[in-house]
N, C-alpha and C. Protein backbone atom coordinates (compact mmCIF):
# COMPACT_ATOMS: atom_id res chain seq x y z
N MET A 1 131.53 60.04 4.80
CA MET A 1 132.22 58.69 5.25
C MET A 1 131.16 58.12 6.31
N THR A 2 130.80 56.79 6.27
CA THR A 2 130.01 56.25 7.05
C THR A 2 130.54 56.03 8.37
N ASP A 3 129.71 56.26 9.54
CA ASP A 3 130.17 56.00 10.78
C ASP A 3 129.95 54.63 11.13
N VAL A 4 131.08 53.95 11.40
CA VAL A 4 131.02 52.51 11.62
C VAL A 4 130.99 52.08 13.21
N GLY A 5 131.02 53.09 14.00
CA GLY A 5 130.91 52.98 15.48
C GLY A 5 132.32 52.97 15.92
N PRO A 6 132.19 52.82 17.35
CA PRO A 6 133.48 52.93 18.04
C PRO A 6 134.46 51.57 17.83
N SER A 7 135.73 51.80 17.78
CA SER A 7 136.41 50.49 17.57
C SER A 7 136.65 49.75 18.85
N PRO A 8 137.04 48.47 18.80
CA PRO A 8 137.32 47.73 19.96
C PRO A 8 138.08 48.52 21.10
N ARG A 9 139.06 49.19 20.59
CA ARG A 9 140.10 50.00 21.48
C ARG A 9 139.43 50.92 22.06
N ALA A 10 138.56 51.73 21.44
CA ALA A 10 137.81 52.71 21.98
C ALA A 10 136.86 52.35 23.04
N GLU A 11 136.15 51.21 22.63
CA GLU A 11 135.19 50.51 23.66
C GLU A 11 135.90 50.23 24.94
N ALA A 12 137.14 49.62 24.79
CA ALA A 12 137.92 49.17 25.91
C ALA A 12 138.29 50.41 26.86
N ALA A 13 138.52 51.51 26.18
CA ALA A 13 138.96 52.64 26.83
C ALA A 13 137.90 53.33 27.65
N VAL A 14 136.65 53.29 26.89
CA VAL A 14 135.49 53.85 27.55
C VAL A 14 135.17 52.92 28.83
N ASP A 15 135.03 51.42 28.67
CA ASP A 15 134.81 50.77 29.71
C ASP A 15 135.65 50.89 30.94
N ARG A 16 137.00 51.09 30.62
CA ARG A 16 137.94 51.39 31.81
C ARG A 16 137.50 52.73 32.50
N PHE A 17 137.37 53.77 31.68
CA PHE A 17 137.06 54.97 32.19
C PHE A 17 135.70 55.04 33.02
N VAL A 18 134.63 54.31 32.48
CA VAL A 18 133.40 54.10 33.22
C VAL A 18 133.71 53.41 34.65
N SER A 19 134.57 52.46 34.55
CA SER A 19 134.85 51.78 35.85
C SER A 19 135.46 52.73 36.89
N LEU A 20 136.53 53.31 36.28
CA LEU A 20 137.36 54.39 37.12
C LEU A 20 136.28 55.45 37.82
N TRP A 21 135.43 55.90 36.97
CA TRP A 21 134.61 57.17 37.38
C TRP A 21 133.69 56.41 38.42
N GLY A 22 133.17 55.34 38.23
CA GLY A 22 132.42 54.61 39.22
C GLY A 22 133.14 54.48 40.62
N GLU A 23 134.35 54.20 40.55
CA GLU A 23 135.25 53.92 41.73
C GLU A 23 135.43 55.40 42.45
N MET A 24 135.44 56.32 41.62
CA MET A 24 135.82 57.65 42.26
C MET A 24 134.33 58.48 42.78
N ALA A 25 133.41 57.55 42.49
CA ALA A 25 132.08 58.25 42.90
C ALA A 25 131.97 58.85 44.22
N SER A 26 132.56 58.04 45.27
CA SER A 26 132.31 58.76 46.61
C SER A 26 133.14 60.01 46.74
N ALA A 27 134.29 60.14 45.99
CA ALA A 27 135.05 61.31 46.24
C ALA A 27 134.30 62.53 45.57
N TRP A 28 133.54 62.21 44.75
CA TRP A 28 132.60 63.33 43.97
C TRP A 28 131.39 63.61 44.78
N GLY A 29 130.96 62.74 45.74
CA GLY A 29 129.75 62.90 46.43
C GLY A 29 128.61 62.40 45.60
N ILE A 30 128.79 61.27 44.79
CA ILE A 30 127.59 60.87 44.07
C ILE A 30 127.72 59.25 44.07
N ASN A 31 126.69 58.71 43.78
CA ASN A 31 126.78 57.22 43.84
C ASN A 31 127.33 56.49 42.56
N ARG A 32 127.75 55.18 42.75
CA ARG A 32 128.51 54.61 41.66
C ARG A 32 127.79 54.57 40.31
N THR A 33 126.47 54.24 40.22
CA THR A 33 125.73 54.13 39.01
C THR A 33 125.63 55.52 38.27
N MET A 34 125.33 56.54 39.15
CA MET A 34 125.30 57.97 38.63
C MET A 34 126.65 58.31 38.07
N ALA A 35 127.70 57.96 38.59
CA ALA A 35 128.99 58.20 38.07
C ALA A 35 129.23 57.62 36.82
N LYS A 36 128.82 56.31 36.72
CA LYS A 36 129.19 55.49 35.40
C LYS A 36 128.20 55.98 34.28
N ILE A 37 127.06 56.43 34.62
CA ILE A 37 126.27 56.94 33.51
C ILE A 37 126.98 58.31 33.03
N HIS A 38 127.31 59.08 33.86
CA HIS A 38 127.90 60.38 33.47
C HIS A 38 129.20 60.26 32.76
N ALA A 39 130.01 59.19 33.20
CA ALA A 39 131.14 58.83 32.40
C ALA A 39 130.85 58.28 31.00
N LEU A 40 129.67 57.58 30.82
CA LEU A 40 129.43 57.03 29.62
C LEU A 40 128.94 58.14 28.55
N LEU A 41 128.31 59.06 29.20
CA LEU A 41 127.53 60.15 28.31
C LEU A 41 128.87 61.10 28.05
N TYR A 42 129.69 61.20 29.00
CA TYR A 42 130.89 62.17 28.73
C TYR A 42 131.81 61.57 27.62
N CYS A 43 131.78 60.31 27.39
CA CYS A 43 132.59 59.75 26.43
C CYS A 43 132.06 59.62 25.00
N SER A 44 130.68 59.70 25.01
CA SER A 44 129.87 59.52 23.89
C SER A 44 129.75 60.77 22.93
N ASN A 45 129.99 60.48 21.64
CA ASN A 45 130.06 61.63 20.60
C ASN A 45 128.68 62.14 20.19
N ALA A 46 127.71 61.19 20.66
CA ALA A 46 126.23 61.58 20.32
C ALA A 46 125.30 61.33 21.55
N PRO A 47 124.29 62.03 21.88
CA PRO A 47 123.30 61.75 22.81
C PRO A 47 122.97 60.25 22.87
N LEU A 48 122.76 59.73 24.07
CA LEU A 48 122.11 58.28 24.30
C LEU A 48 120.86 58.34 24.88
N ASN A 49 120.08 57.27 24.57
CA ASN A 49 118.79 57.29 25.28
C ASN A 49 118.69 56.32 26.39
N THR A 50 117.66 56.27 27.01
CA THR A 50 117.76 55.28 28.36
C THR A 50 118.13 53.87 27.92
N ASP A 51 117.48 53.23 26.86
CA ASP A 51 117.79 51.86 26.50
C ASP A 51 119.26 51.67 26.27
N GLN A 52 119.79 52.53 25.48
CA GLN A 52 121.11 52.57 25.13
C GLN A 52 122.17 52.43 26.42
N ILE A 53 121.66 53.23 27.33
CA ILE A 53 122.53 53.36 28.60
C ILE A 53 122.27 52.15 29.58
N MET A 54 121.01 51.63 29.46
CA MET A 54 120.78 50.32 30.38
C MET A 54 121.58 49.12 29.63
N ASP A 55 121.62 49.04 28.31
CA ASP A 55 122.30 47.97 27.66
C ASP A 55 123.84 48.16 28.01
N ARG A 56 124.33 49.20 27.69
CA ARG A 56 125.72 49.48 27.91
C ARG A 56 126.29 49.13 29.35
N LEU A 57 125.46 49.44 30.30
CA LEU A 57 125.96 49.65 31.67
C LEU A 57 125.22 48.33 32.44
N ASP A 58 124.27 47.59 31.83
CA ASP A 58 123.62 46.58 32.42
C ASP A 58 123.13 46.98 33.78
N VAL A 59 122.15 48.02 33.65
CA VAL A 59 121.39 48.54 34.78
C VAL A 59 119.95 48.47 34.55
N SER A 60 119.06 48.54 35.38
CA SER A 60 117.66 48.44 35.29
C SER A 60 117.07 49.88 34.84
N ARG A 61 115.88 49.88 34.32
CA ARG A 61 115.28 51.11 33.87
C ARG A 61 115.16 52.03 34.94
N GLY A 62 114.62 51.63 36.02
CA GLY A 62 114.47 52.29 37.25
C GLY A 62 115.61 53.06 37.82
N ASN A 63 116.68 52.31 37.75
CA ASN A 63 118.07 52.70 38.21
C ASN A 63 118.65 53.76 37.26
N ALA A 64 118.43 53.39 36.09
CA ALA A 64 118.96 54.42 34.96
C ALA A 64 118.11 55.79 35.08
N SER A 65 116.83 55.55 35.08
CA SER A 65 115.88 56.73 35.06
C SER A 65 116.28 57.81 36.31
N MET A 66 116.36 56.98 37.55
CA MET A 66 116.46 57.77 38.77
C MET A 66 117.89 58.57 38.73
N ASN A 67 119.06 57.90 38.22
CA ASN A 67 120.25 58.57 38.13
C ASN A 67 120.46 59.54 36.99
N LEU A 68 119.56 59.52 36.02
CA LEU A 68 119.58 60.45 34.82
C LEU A 68 118.98 61.63 35.45
N ARG A 69 117.85 61.54 36.31
CA ARG A 69 117.29 62.68 36.93
C ARG A 69 118.20 63.52 37.85
N SER A 70 118.86 62.51 38.65
CA SER A 70 119.88 63.24 39.57
C SER A 70 120.91 64.10 38.79
N LEU A 71 121.47 63.51 37.62
CA LEU A 71 122.43 64.03 36.93
C LEU A 71 122.00 65.40 36.24
N ALA A 72 120.73 65.36 35.77
CA ALA A 72 119.98 66.71 35.37
C ALA A 72 119.98 67.74 36.59
N GLU A 73 119.52 67.23 37.73
CA GLU A 73 119.59 68.11 38.80
C GLU A 73 120.84 68.82 39.13
N TRP A 74 121.95 68.02 38.89
CA TRP A 74 123.22 68.69 39.15
C TRP A 74 123.92 69.37 37.95
N ASN A 75 122.95 69.50 36.83
CA ASN A 75 123.27 70.28 35.78
C ASN A 75 124.49 69.70 35.05
N LEU A 76 124.58 68.29 35.18
CA LEU A 76 125.86 67.75 34.39
C LEU A 76 125.51 67.05 33.20
N ILE A 77 124.19 66.96 32.81
CA ILE A 77 123.67 66.40 31.67
C ILE A 77 122.34 67.18 31.15
N GLU A 78 122.19 67.13 29.95
CA GLU A 78 120.91 67.64 29.37
C GLU A 78 120.25 66.83 28.73
N LYS A 79 118.61 66.77 28.64
CA LYS A 79 117.69 66.02 27.96
C LYS A 79 117.66 66.67 26.56
N THR A 80 117.62 65.85 25.51
CA THR A 80 117.47 66.27 24.10
C THR A 80 116.52 65.26 23.45
N GLN A 81 116.08 65.62 22.22
CA GLN A 81 115.32 64.71 21.52
C GLN A 81 115.84 64.89 20.12
N ARG A 82 115.36 63.76 19.40
CA ARG A 82 115.67 63.62 18.14
C ARG A 82 114.33 63.64 17.09
N ALA A 83 114.61 64.19 16.00
CA ALA A 83 113.33 64.31 15.02
C ALA A 83 112.79 62.80 14.63
N ASP A 84 113.76 61.84 14.68
CA ASP A 84 113.37 60.61 14.10
C ASP A 84 112.96 59.75 15.29
N SER A 85 112.90 60.14 16.49
CA SER A 85 112.46 59.11 17.66
C SER A 85 111.62 59.96 18.61
N ARG A 86 110.89 59.22 19.42
CA ARG A 86 110.12 59.72 20.50
C ARG A 86 110.82 59.64 21.70
N LYS A 87 112.01 58.88 21.73
CA LYS A 87 112.56 58.68 23.13
C LYS A 87 113.27 59.90 23.47
N ASN A 88 113.71 60.20 24.67
CA ASN A 88 114.40 61.09 25.35
C ASN A 88 115.96 60.65 25.27
N TYR A 89 116.70 61.58 24.80
CA TYR A 89 118.08 61.38 24.74
C TYR A 89 118.92 62.41 25.61
N TYR A 90 120.14 61.79 26.30
CA TYR A 90 120.78 62.67 27.11
C TYR A 90 122.30 62.87 26.60
N GLU A 91 122.73 64.03 26.90
CA GLU A 91 124.00 64.32 26.63
C GLU A 91 124.82 65.03 27.83
N ALA A 92 126.14 64.70 27.92
CA ALA A 92 126.76 65.25 29.09
C ALA A 92 127.53 66.57 28.86
N GLU A 93 127.77 67.48 29.76
CA GLU A 93 128.71 68.79 29.51
C GLU A 93 130.04 68.04 29.13
N LYS A 94 130.79 68.63 28.20
CA LYS A 94 132.01 68.08 27.98
C LYS A 94 133.27 69.11 28.54
N ASP A 95 132.84 70.17 28.89
CA ASP A 95 133.96 71.00 29.37
C ASP A 95 134.23 70.65 30.90
N VAL A 96 135.40 70.15 31.23
CA VAL A 96 135.74 69.84 32.45
C VAL A 96 135.69 70.70 33.42
N TRP A 97 136.07 72.02 33.11
CA TRP A 97 135.82 73.24 34.05
C TRP A 97 134.50 73.37 34.49
N ARG A 98 133.74 73.41 33.56
CA ARG A 98 132.15 73.67 33.95
C ARG A 98 131.76 72.43 34.63
N ILE A 99 132.11 71.28 34.48
CA ILE A 99 131.75 70.03 35.32
C ILE A 99 132.31 70.25 36.67
N THR A 100 133.59 70.58 36.85
CA THR A 100 134.24 70.72 38.32
C THR A 100 133.40 71.83 39.11
N ALA A 101 133.12 72.85 38.28
CA ALA A 101 132.36 74.18 39.00
C ALA A 101 130.88 73.57 39.43
N ARG A 102 130.46 72.80 38.67
CA ARG A 102 128.96 72.40 39.04
C ARG A 102 129.12 71.41 40.32
N ILE A 103 130.13 70.52 40.19
CA ILE A 103 130.35 69.67 41.25
C ILE A 103 130.58 70.33 42.61
N ILE A 104 131.47 71.28 42.57
CA ILE A 104 131.86 72.09 43.77
C ILE A 104 130.50 72.71 44.41
N GLU A 105 129.72 73.47 43.42
CA GLU A 105 128.47 74.08 43.81
C GLU A 105 127.61 73.04 44.51
N GLU A 106 127.42 71.96 43.92
CA GLU A 106 126.35 71.17 44.28
C GLU A 106 126.82 70.51 45.68
N ARG A 107 128.13 70.14 45.85
CA ARG A 107 128.59 69.51 47.12
C ARG A 107 128.47 70.71 48.24
N GLN A 108 128.73 71.84 47.87
CA GLN A 108 128.63 72.92 48.76
C GLN A 108 127.21 73.06 49.47
N ARG A 109 126.31 73.10 48.30
CA ARG A 109 124.80 73.37 48.68
C ARG A 109 124.29 72.16 49.45
N ARG A 110 124.60 70.96 48.81
CA ARG A 110 124.06 69.90 49.52
C ARG A 110 124.58 69.10 50.93
N GLU A 111 126.03 69.43 50.90
CA GLU A 111 126.76 68.75 52.09
C GLU A 111 127.22 69.82 53.03
N VAL A 112 128.19 70.67 52.64
CA VAL A 112 128.99 71.41 53.48
C VAL A 112 128.00 72.42 54.36
N HIS A 113 127.22 73.32 53.35
CA HIS A 113 126.40 74.35 54.19
C HIS A 113 125.41 73.63 55.14
N PRO A 114 124.67 72.48 54.73
CA PRO A 114 123.79 71.72 55.69
C PRO A 114 124.49 71.25 56.90
N VAL A 115 125.80 70.73 56.73
CA VAL A 115 126.45 70.13 57.92
C VAL A 115 126.89 71.26 58.85
N ARG A 116 127.05 72.47 58.37
CA ARG A 116 127.36 73.52 59.29
C ARG A 116 126.26 74.05 60.01
N THR A 117 125.03 74.17 59.44
CA THR A 117 123.79 74.52 60.01
C THR A 117 123.51 73.32 61.17
N ARG A 118 123.61 72.16 60.79
CA ARG A 118 123.21 71.13 61.76
C ARG A 118 124.20 71.16 63.09
N LEU A 119 125.40 71.53 62.76
CA LEU A 119 126.38 71.46 63.72
C LEU A 119 126.20 72.51 64.75
N ARG A 120 125.77 73.79 64.08
CA ARG A 120 125.40 74.96 65.05
C ARG A 120 124.06 74.59 65.87
N GLY A 121 123.20 73.69 65.32
CA GLY A 121 122.20 73.35 66.13
C GLY A 121 122.59 72.36 67.22
N CYS A 122 123.64 71.46 66.90
CA CYS A 122 123.95 70.81 68.24
C CYS A 122 124.57 71.57 69.33
N ALA A 123 125.30 72.71 68.97
CA ALA A 123 125.80 73.65 69.95
C ALA A 123 124.65 74.25 70.71
N GLU A 124 123.62 74.69 69.98
CA GLU A 124 122.56 75.30 70.50
C GLU A 124 121.77 74.59 71.49
N LEU A 125 121.77 73.23 71.45
CA LEU A 125 121.18 72.55 72.45
C LEU A 125 121.72 72.52 73.70
N LEU A 126 122.77 72.99 73.94
CA LEU A 126 123.67 73.07 75.13
C LEU A 126 123.52 74.36 75.84
N VAL A 127 123.07 75.45 75.17
CA VAL A 127 122.75 76.66 75.83
C VAL A 127 121.28 77.15 75.42
N GLU A 128 120.49 77.51 76.43
CA GLU A 128 119.04 77.95 76.23
C GLU A 128 119.10 79.34 75.73
N GLU A 129 118.26 79.80 75.09
CA GLU A 129 118.11 81.22 74.82
C GLU A 129 118.17 82.17 76.17
N GLY A 130 119.01 83.07 76.07
CA GLY A 130 119.26 84.06 77.07
C GLY A 130 120.05 83.40 78.30
N GLU A 131 120.59 82.30 78.14
CA GLU A 131 121.70 81.56 79.04
C GLU A 131 123.03 81.80 78.63
N SER A 132 123.89 82.01 79.56
CA SER A 132 125.29 82.02 79.36
C SER A 132 125.87 80.80 79.21
N LEU A 133 126.84 80.62 78.35
CA LEU A 133 127.71 79.32 78.24
C LEU A 133 128.43 79.04 79.59
N GLU A 134 128.94 80.20 80.24
CA GLU A 134 129.75 79.97 81.29
C GLU A 134 128.80 79.49 82.47
N GLU A 135 127.69 79.61 82.35
CA GLU A 135 126.72 78.85 83.48
C GLU A 135 126.66 77.51 83.35
N ARG A 136 126.96 76.93 82.23
CA ARG A 136 126.78 75.40 82.12
C ARG A 136 127.97 74.78 82.59
N PRO A 137 127.80 73.47 83.10
CA PRO A 137 128.90 72.76 83.68
C PRO A 137 130.10 72.62 82.54
N VAL A 138 131.29 72.25 83.11
CA VAL A 138 132.47 72.38 82.31
C VAL A 138 132.41 71.49 81.25
N ALA A 139 131.92 70.12 81.35
CA ALA A 139 131.78 69.21 80.28
C ALA A 139 131.09 69.80 79.28
N GLU A 140 129.80 70.39 79.34
CA GLU A 140 129.22 71.03 78.47
C GLU A 140 129.74 72.03 77.73
N ARG A 141 130.43 72.93 78.43
CA ARG A 141 131.17 74.00 77.74
C ARG A 141 132.23 73.52 76.74
N ASP A 142 132.94 72.53 77.29
CA ASP A 142 134.12 71.74 76.35
C ASP A 142 133.32 71.20 75.18
N LEU A 143 132.23 70.57 75.21
CA LEU A 143 131.56 70.00 74.19
C LEU A 143 130.94 71.14 73.27
N HIS A 144 130.46 72.22 73.79
CA HIS A 144 130.16 73.24 72.98
C HIS A 144 131.40 73.85 72.04
N ARG A 145 132.31 74.00 72.65
CA ARG A 145 133.66 74.41 71.95
C ARG A 145 133.99 73.58 70.88
N ARG A 146 133.83 72.15 71.12
CA ARG A 146 134.15 71.29 70.11
C ARG A 146 133.35 71.35 68.90
N PHE A 147 132.06 71.62 69.17
CA PHE A 147 130.97 71.80 68.12
C PHE A 147 131.40 73.19 67.34
N GLU A 148 131.82 74.15 68.08
CA GLU A 148 132.08 75.51 67.41
C GLU A 148 133.35 75.34 66.63
N ARG A 149 134.32 74.57 67.05
CA ARG A 149 135.53 74.40 66.10
C ARG A 149 135.05 73.79 64.82
N LEU A 150 134.26 72.69 64.85
CA LEU A 150 133.94 72.03 63.75
C LEU A 150 132.99 72.83 62.84
N THR A 151 132.28 73.75 63.50
CA THR A 151 131.45 74.82 62.68
C THR A 151 132.33 75.58 61.86
N GLN A 152 133.35 76.20 62.65
CA GLN A 152 134.27 77.12 62.05
C GLN A 152 135.03 76.38 60.85
N LEU A 153 135.40 75.18 61.05
CA LEU A 153 136.04 74.43 59.94
C LEU A 153 135.05 74.31 58.77
N MET A 154 133.89 73.99 58.88
CA MET A 154 132.78 73.95 57.89
C MET A 154 132.79 75.18 57.13
N LYS A 155 132.76 76.48 57.93
CA LYS A 155 132.88 77.73 57.43
C LYS A 155 133.87 78.06 56.44
N VAL A 156 135.15 77.48 57.10
CA VAL A 156 136.34 77.70 56.19
C VAL A 156 136.35 76.87 54.80
N LEU A 157 135.93 75.70 54.96
CA LEU A 157 135.58 74.95 53.88
C LEU A 157 134.65 75.49 52.75
N GLU A 158 133.74 76.32 53.27
CA GLU A 158 132.68 76.92 52.36
C GLU A 158 133.48 78.12 51.77
N GLY A 159 134.21 78.99 52.52
CA GLY A 159 135.04 80.06 51.90
C GLY A 159 136.03 79.52 50.85
N VAL A 160 136.69 78.42 51.08
CA VAL A 160 137.67 77.85 50.06
C VAL A 160 136.82 77.58 48.73
N SER A 161 135.73 77.03 48.86
CA SER A 161 134.99 76.77 47.80
C SER A 161 134.50 77.94 46.90
N GLU A 162 134.13 78.95 47.81
CA GLU A 162 133.58 80.24 47.12
C GLU A 162 134.84 80.88 46.44
N ALA A 163 136.16 80.80 47.13
CA ALA A 163 137.17 81.63 46.47
C ALA A 163 137.42 80.85 45.13
N LEU A 164 137.42 79.53 45.28
CA LEU A 164 137.85 78.66 44.21
C LEU A 164 136.86 78.69 42.93
N LEU A 165 135.63 78.81 43.17
CA LEU A 165 134.77 78.65 42.13
C LEU A 165 134.86 79.78 41.05
N PRO A 166 135.08 81.02 41.38
CA PRO A 166 135.36 81.94 40.10
C PRO A 166 136.52 81.54 39.31
N LEU A 167 137.59 81.11 39.93
CA LEU A 167 138.69 80.76 39.16
C LEU A 167 138.49 79.59 38.32
N VAL A 168 137.81 78.59 38.90
CA VAL A 168 137.45 77.46 37.96
C VAL A 168 136.37 77.71 36.76
N ARG A 169 135.27 78.74 37.22
CA ARG A 169 134.45 79.05 36.04
C ARG A 169 135.21 79.73 34.99
N ASN A 170 136.16 80.58 35.34
CA ASN A 170 136.95 81.47 34.32
C ASN A 170 138.25 80.71 33.69
N LYS A 171 138.47 79.42 34.17
CA LYS A 171 139.44 78.45 33.90
C LYS A 171 140.81 79.17 33.91
N ASN A 172 141.06 79.76 35.18
CA ASN A 172 142.21 80.54 35.43
C ASN A 172 143.21 79.78 35.95
N ILE A 173 143.83 78.96 35.00
CA ILE A 173 144.95 77.92 35.48
C ILE A 173 146.13 78.64 36.23
N ASP A 174 146.63 79.71 35.75
CA ASP A 174 147.76 80.38 36.29
C ASP A 174 147.49 80.68 37.84
N GLN A 175 146.18 81.29 38.23
CA GLN A 175 146.00 81.77 39.43
C GLN A 175 145.73 80.50 40.35
N ILE A 176 145.06 79.53 39.82
CA ILE A 176 144.87 78.32 40.65
C ILE A 176 146.09 77.49 41.00
N GLU A 177 147.20 77.56 39.98
CA GLU A 177 148.42 77.02 40.22
C GLU A 177 149.16 77.70 41.36
N ARG A 178 148.95 79.08 41.28
CA ARG A 178 149.69 79.94 42.39
C ARG A 178 149.20 79.68 43.72
N LEU A 179 147.71 79.56 43.75
CA LEU A 179 147.21 79.13 44.99
C LEU A 179 147.58 77.86 45.56
N LEU A 180 147.73 77.03 44.64
CA LEU A 180 148.21 75.50 44.94
C LEU A 180 149.68 75.61 45.48
N GLU A 181 150.49 76.47 44.95
CA GLU A 181 151.97 76.65 45.27
C GLU A 181 151.91 77.15 46.73
N VAL A 182 151.01 78.21 46.98
CA VAL A 182 151.05 78.80 48.22
C VAL A 182 150.54 77.75 49.30
N ALA A 183 149.47 77.01 49.00
CA ALA A 183 149.11 76.10 50.00
C ALA A 183 149.91 74.83 50.29
N LEU A 184 150.78 74.55 49.17
CA LEU A 184 151.94 73.50 49.47
C LEU A 184 152.83 74.07 50.37
N ARG A 185 153.30 75.32 50.05
CA ARG A 185 154.34 75.71 50.85
C ARG A 185 153.93 76.00 52.45
N LEU A 186 152.61 76.34 52.54
CA LEU A 186 152.17 76.48 54.11
C LEU A 186 152.05 75.03 54.56
N GLY A 187 151.86 74.02 53.70
CA GLY A 187 151.87 72.75 54.28
C GLY A 187 153.14 72.02 54.38
N GLY A 188 154.30 72.87 54.04
CA GLY A 188 155.66 72.27 54.20
C GLY A 188 155.99 71.40 53.00
N THR A 189 155.35 71.49 51.86
CA THR A 189 155.56 70.67 50.77
C THR A 189 156.12 71.66 49.72
N GLU A 190 157.16 71.13 49.06
CA GLU A 190 157.83 71.97 48.01
C GLU A 190 156.99 71.63 46.71
N PRO A 191 156.50 72.81 46.06
CA PRO A 191 155.75 72.67 44.85
C PRO A 191 156.55 72.28 43.61
N SER A 192 155.86 71.59 42.85
CA SER A 192 156.77 70.97 41.60
C SER A 192 157.14 72.28 40.74
N SER A 193 158.25 72.21 40.25
CA SER A 193 158.85 73.46 39.48
C SER A 193 158.26 73.38 38.00
N SER A 194 157.55 72.22 37.65
CA SER A 194 156.98 72.15 36.28
C SER A 194 155.67 72.71 36.32
N ARG A 195 155.44 73.43 35.30
CA ARG A 195 154.02 74.07 35.09
C ARG A 195 153.32 73.56 33.81
N SER A 196 152.14 73.93 33.52
CA SER A 196 151.49 73.56 32.57
C SER A 196 152.22 73.89 31.22
N PRO A 197 152.39 73.10 30.25
CA PRO A 197 153.05 73.47 28.92
C PRO A 197 152.24 74.47 28.20
N SER A 198 150.93 74.49 28.41
CA SER A 198 150.16 75.24 27.63
C SER A 198 149.11 75.98 28.53
N SER A 199 148.66 77.27 28.21
CA SER A 199 147.53 77.86 29.14
C SER A 199 146.29 77.44 28.53
N GLU A 200 146.19 76.85 27.49
CA GLU A 200 144.96 76.36 26.89
C GLU A 200 144.09 75.58 27.93
N SER A 201 142.85 75.80 27.86
CA SER A 201 142.02 74.88 28.86
C SER A 201 141.79 73.50 28.40
N PRO A 202 141.93 72.56 29.35
CA PRO A 202 141.83 71.06 28.88
C PRO A 202 140.29 71.00 28.52
N ARG A 203 139.99 70.25 27.51
CA ARG A 203 138.69 69.77 27.27
C ARG A 203 138.50 68.38 27.29
């Protein structure tokens, strides 16, 4: 059967998803164009080349190339080639669990850990080597404690990511739901009584 291409309905659905993914970009820690390219490749049944991506999203070659490189660095897409073309083609990871795990890993490596390191540096500016914090003025001691509390918060966030990653990688829905229920109870929110109708991993 000849592939006649996506239907108007499918194209409209892809357009809406690409727009949604672009709007969500800041929450994922990536820029809008990078998110849109990822969304387009995620929806595509076949790898796309740079020209196809440029035409579909109306972006420049430089913008497309830069964001394709970034997506590859995040391990969210792979570069492929076709026997009948000299162009590079790109395809996205389709497993949502792997996508989530990679985003968690990259955000922790690029954002949470560096922020914790820099916060510690801010605190260290207030106390020289060999000096006791108690020797410093009250205002500086208070400021140091504020930096330390933020540093501890970053450490907790790192710990949450490290605890969650194995569950995401293993697609352990039941355990993730149990952790969510515990978190909701601790936060004073009643967890929903409904659970996933199937233990199968979403794809």
